Amino acid sequence: MKVEVLHVIGCAKCFRELDSLRAAARRADPAVEWSELDVLAAVDYAVELGVLRPPAVAIDGELVFASLPTPDALTAAMHERRQGAG
């Protein structure tokens, strides 16, 4: 499973919350592919996903959260996707 956080470098809120989100994602799936993308450097990809404004979170190439979720919400979304794939 791949989780991508699209954010702007220097976003204080993003910086504060990324550690807890990354930890939650790794608890939900120890093999998670975690990426943090600067939306300005990946603008074409962000547009393709439908990101209207950062921060946003995509799971397996699909925009799932248009803002940073709580760690519990991210974990729930990851579990839901895993169950849907099985």
N, C-alpha and C. Protein backbone atom coordinates (compact mmCIF):
# COMPACT_ATOMS: atom_id res chain seq x y z
N MET A 1 0.85 -1.16 0.00
CA MET A 1 0.00 0.00 0.00
C MET A 1 0.90 1.23 0.00
N LYS A 2 0.50 2.24 -0.76
CA LYS A 2 1.29 3.46 -0.90
C LYS A 2 0.47 4.64 -0.36
N VAL A 3 1.07 5.38 0.57
CA VAL A 3 0.45 6.58 1.12
C VAL A 3 1.33 7.77 0.76
N GLU A 4 0.70 8.77 0.15
CA GLU A 4 1.42 9.98 -0.25
C GLU A 4 0.78 11.20 0.39
N VAL A 5 1.61 12.01 1.01
CA VAL A 5 1.16 13.27 1.59
C VAL A 5 1.70 14.38 0.69
N LEU A 6 0.79 15.15 0.12
CA LEU A 6 1.18 16.28 -0.73
C LEU A 6 1.04 17.54 0.11
N HIS A 7 2.14 18.23 0.28
CA HIS A 7 2.15 19.41 1.14
C HIS A 7 3.09 20.45 0.57
N VAL A 8 3.13 21.59 1.21
CA VAL A 8 4.02 22.67 0.81
C VAL A 8 5.17 22.70 1.82
N ILE A 9 6.38 22.75 1.31
CA ILE A 9 7.55 22.83 2.19
C ILE A 9 7.38 24.07 3.06
N GLY A 10 7.63 23.90 4.35
CA GLY A 10 7.50 25.02 5.28
C GLY A 10 6.16 25.10 5.97
N CYS A 11 5.25 24.18 5.65
CA CYS A 11 3.93 24.16 6.29
C CYS A 11 4.10 23.68 7.73
N ALA A 12 3.94 24.58 8.68
CA ALA A 12 4.17 24.24 10.10
C ALA A 12 3.20 23.17 10.57
N LYS A 13 1.93 23.26 10.19
CA LYS A 13 0.94 22.26 10.60
C LYS A 13 1.31 20.88 10.05
N CYS A 14 1.70 20.85 8.79
CA CYS A 14 2.10 19.57 8.17
C CYS A 14 3.27 18.98 8.93
N PHE A 15 4.27 19.80 9.18
CA PHE A 15 5.47 19.33 9.86
C PHE A 15 5.14 18.73 11.22
N ARG A 16 4.24 19.38 11.97
CA ARG A 16 3.86 18.91 13.30
C ARG A 16 3.12 17.58 13.23
N GLU A 17 2.31 17.38 12.22
CA GLU A 17 1.43 16.22 12.17
C GLU A 17 1.97 15.03 11.38
N LEU A 18 2.99 15.23 10.57
CA LEU A 18 3.48 14.14 9.72
C LEU A 18 4.03 12.97 10.50
N ASP A 19 4.72 13.23 11.60
CA ASP A 19 5.29 12.12 12.37
C ASP A 19 4.20 11.19 12.89
N SER A 20 3.10 11.76 13.43
CA SER A 20 2.04 10.91 13.97
C SER A 20 1.30 10.18 12.84
N LEU A 21 1.14 10.82 11.70
CA LEU A 21 0.50 10.16 10.56
C LEU A 21 1.37 9.02 10.02
N ARG A 22 2.67 9.28 9.90
CA ARG A 22 3.59 8.25 9.42
C ARG A 22 3.60 7.05 10.37
N ALA A 23 3.63 7.32 11.67
CA ALA A 23 3.61 6.24 12.66
C ALA A 23 2.32 5.44 12.58
N ALA A 24 1.19 6.12 12.42
CA ALA A 24 -0.09 5.42 12.32
C ALA A 24 -0.13 4.56 11.06
N ALA A 25 0.39 5.08 9.96
CA ALA A 25 0.40 4.32 8.71
C ALA A 25 1.26 3.07 8.85
N ARG A 26 2.39 3.20 9.53
CA ARG A 26 3.28 2.04 9.70
C ARG A 26 2.70 1.01 10.66
N ARG A 27 1.91 1.47 11.63
CA ARG A 27 1.23 0.51 12.51
C ARG A 27 0.15 -0.25 11.74
N ALA A 28 -0.55 0.47 10.85
CA ALA A 28 -1.62 -0.16 10.07
C ALA A 28 -1.06 -1.13 9.03
N ASP A 29 0.11 -0.80 8.47
CA ASP A 29 0.74 -1.64 7.45
C ASP A 29 2.25 -1.43 7.52
N PRO A 30 2.94 -2.33 8.20
CA PRO A 30 4.39 -2.17 8.36
C PRO A 30 5.15 -2.05 7.03
N ALA A 31 4.57 -2.54 5.95
CA ALA A 31 5.22 -2.48 4.64
C ALA A 31 4.77 -1.27 3.82
N VAL A 32 4.08 -0.32 4.44
CA VAL A 32 3.55 0.83 3.71
C VAL A 32 4.68 1.58 2.99
N GLU A 33 4.38 2.03 1.78
CA GLU A 33 5.30 2.92 1.05
C GLU A 33 4.85 4.33 1.38
N TRP A 34 5.61 5.05 2.18
CA TRP A 34 5.26 6.39 2.65
C TRP A 34 6.04 7.41 1.84
N SER A 35 5.35 8.40 1.26
CA SER A 35 6.00 9.47 0.51
C SER A 35 5.46 10.81 0.96
N GLU A 36 6.36 11.77 1.08
CA GLU A 36 5.98 13.14 1.35
C GLU A 36 6.42 13.96 0.15
N LEU A 37 5.45 14.52 -0.56
CA LEU A 37 5.73 15.22 -1.81
C LEU A 37 5.46 16.72 -1.66
N ASP A 38 6.42 17.52 -2.12
CA ASP A 38 6.22 18.96 -2.20
C ASP A 38 5.28 19.21 -3.37
N VAL A 39 4.12 19.75 -3.08
CA VAL A 39 3.10 19.92 -4.12
C VAL A 39 3.61 20.83 -5.25
N LEU A 40 4.50 21.76 -4.96
CA LEU A 40 5.04 22.64 -6.01
C LEU A 40 5.98 21.88 -6.94
N ALA A 41 6.69 20.90 -6.40
CA ALA A 41 7.59 20.09 -7.23
C ALA A 41 6.83 19.01 -7.99
N ALA A 42 5.66 18.64 -7.49
CA ALA A 42 4.87 17.57 -8.11
C ALA A 42 3.51 18.11 -8.56
N VAL A 43 3.50 19.31 -9.08
CA VAL A 43 2.24 19.98 -9.40
C VAL A 43 1.41 19.21 -10.43
N ASP A 44 2.03 18.63 -11.43
CA ASP A 44 1.27 17.88 -12.44
C ASP A 44 0.58 16.67 -11.80
N TYR A 45 1.29 15.97 -10.95
CA TYR A 45 0.72 14.82 -10.26
C TYR A 45 -0.40 15.26 -9.33
N ALA A 46 -0.20 16.36 -8.62
CA ALA A 46 -1.23 16.88 -7.71
C ALA A 46 -2.50 17.22 -8.48
N VAL A 47 -2.36 17.84 -9.64
CA VAL A 47 -3.52 18.18 -10.48
C VAL A 47 -4.20 16.90 -10.95
N GLU A 48 -3.41 15.92 -11.36
CA GLU A 48 -3.96 14.64 -11.82
C GLU A 48 -4.79 13.98 -10.71
N LEU A 49 -4.33 14.08 -9.46
CA LEU A 49 -5.06 13.50 -8.33
C LEU A 49 -6.31 14.29 -7.99
N GLY A 50 -6.32 15.57 -8.34
CA GLY A 50 -7.45 16.42 -7.98
C GLY A 50 -7.23 17.24 -6.73
N VAL A 51 -5.98 17.41 -6.33
CA VAL A 51 -5.67 18.21 -5.16
C VAL A 51 -5.98 19.67 -5.48
N LEU A 52 -6.89 20.26 -4.71
CA LEU A 52 -7.24 21.66 -4.91
C LEU A 52 -6.37 22.58 -4.07
N ARG A 53 -5.99 22.09 -2.89
CA ARG A 53 -5.06 22.85 -2.05
C ARG A 53 -4.41 21.88 -1.07
N PRO A 54 -3.14 22.07 -0.85
CA PRO A 54 -2.45 21.20 0.09
C PRO A 54 -2.73 21.63 1.53
N PRO A 55 -2.55 20.75 2.47
CA PRO A 55 -2.09 19.38 2.35
C PRO A 55 -3.22 18.44 1.95
N ALA A 56 -2.85 17.33 1.36
CA ALA A 56 -3.80 16.30 0.94
C ALA A 56 -3.11 14.95 1.05
N VAL A 57 -3.91 13.89 1.11
CA VAL A 57 -3.35 12.54 1.25
C VAL A 57 -3.99 11.63 0.20
N ALA A 58 -3.12 10.92 -0.51
CA ALA A 58 -3.56 9.94 -1.49
C ALA A 58 -3.14 8.55 -1.00
N ILE A 59 -3.99 7.57 -1.25
CA ILE A 59 -3.66 6.19 -0.94
C ILE A 59 -3.77 5.41 -2.25
N ASP A 60 -2.68 4.73 -2.58
CA ASP A 60 -2.60 3.95 -3.81
C ASP A 60 -3.02 4.78 -5.03
N GLY A 61 -2.54 6.02 -5.08
CA GLY A 61 -2.77 6.86 -6.25
C GLY A 61 -4.14 7.48 -6.36
N GLU A 62 -4.91 7.44 -5.29
CA GLU A 62 -6.25 8.04 -5.29
C GLU A 62 -6.36 9.03 -4.13
N LEU A 63 -6.83 10.23 -4.43
CA LEU A 63 -7.01 11.24 -3.39
C LEU A 63 -8.08 10.76 -2.41
N VAL A 64 -7.70 10.61 -1.15
CA VAL A 64 -8.61 10.11 -0.13
C VAL A 64 -8.96 11.21 0.87
N PHE A 65 -8.01 12.09 1.16
CA PHE A 65 -8.25 13.19 2.10
C PHE A 65 -7.80 14.50 1.46
N ALA A 66 -8.70 15.48 1.46
CA ALA A 66 -8.39 16.80 0.90
C ALA A 66 -7.70 17.70 1.93
N SER A 67 -7.49 17.18 3.11
CA SER A 67 -6.72 17.85 4.15
C SER A 67 -6.09 16.75 5.00
N LEU A 68 -5.23 17.15 5.93
CA LEU A 68 -4.59 16.11 6.74
C LEU A 68 -5.62 15.44 7.64
N PRO A 69 -5.68 14.13 7.60
CA PRO A 69 -6.62 13.40 8.47
C PRO A 69 -6.02 13.22 9.86
N THR A 70 -6.82 12.76 10.76
CA THR A 70 -6.29 12.34 12.05
C THR A 70 -5.60 11.00 11.83
N PRO A 71 -4.70 10.62 12.72
CA PRO A 71 -4.08 9.30 12.58
C PRO A 71 -5.12 8.18 12.55
N ASP A 72 -6.18 8.29 13.36
CA ASP A 72 -7.22 7.26 13.37
C ASP A 72 -7.95 7.19 12.03
N ALA A 73 -8.24 8.34 11.43
CA ALA A 73 -8.93 8.36 10.14
C ALA A 73 -8.05 7.75 9.05
N LEU A 74 -6.76 8.05 9.09
CA LEU A 74 -5.84 7.46 8.10
C LEU A 74 -5.79 5.95 8.26
N THR A 75 -5.67 5.48 9.49
CA THR A 75 -5.64 4.04 9.76
C THR A 75 -6.92 3.37 9.27
N ALA A 76 -8.07 3.98 9.54
CA ALA A 76 -9.35 3.42 9.10
C ALA A 76 -9.42 3.34 7.58
N ALA A 77 -8.96 4.39 6.90
CA ALA A 77 -9.00 4.39 5.44
C ALA A 77 -8.08 3.31 4.87
N MET A 78 -6.93 3.12 5.50
CA MET A 78 -6.01 2.08 5.04
C MET A 78 -6.62 0.69 5.25
N HIS A 79 -7.23 0.46 6.39
CA HIS A 79 -7.87 -0.85 6.65
C HIS A 79 -9.02 -1.09 5.67
N GLU A 80 -9.79 -0.06 5.42
CA GLU A 80 -10.92 -0.19 4.48
C GLU A 80 -10.43 -0.56 3.09
N ARG A 81 -9.35 0.07 2.64
CA ARG A 81 -8.81 -0.23 1.32
C ARG A 81 -8.25 -1.65 1.26
N ARG A 82 -7.61 -2.08 2.34
CA ARG A 82 -7.05 -3.42 2.37
C ARG A 82 -8.16 -4.46 2.30
N GLN A 83 -9.26 -4.22 3.03
CA GLN A 83 -10.40 -5.15 3.01
C GLN A 83 -11.05 -5.17 1.63
N GLY A 84 -11.12 -4.01 0.98
CA GLY A 84 -11.72 -3.93 -0.35
C GLY A 84 -10.89 -4.66 -1.40
N ALA A 85 -9.58 -4.73 -1.17
CA ALA A 85 -8.69 -5.40 -2.13
C ALA A 85 -8.69 -6.91 -1.93
N GLY A 86 -9.14 -7.34 -0.76
CA GLY A 86 -9.05 -8.77 -0.45
C GLY A 86 -10.23 -9.52 -0.82
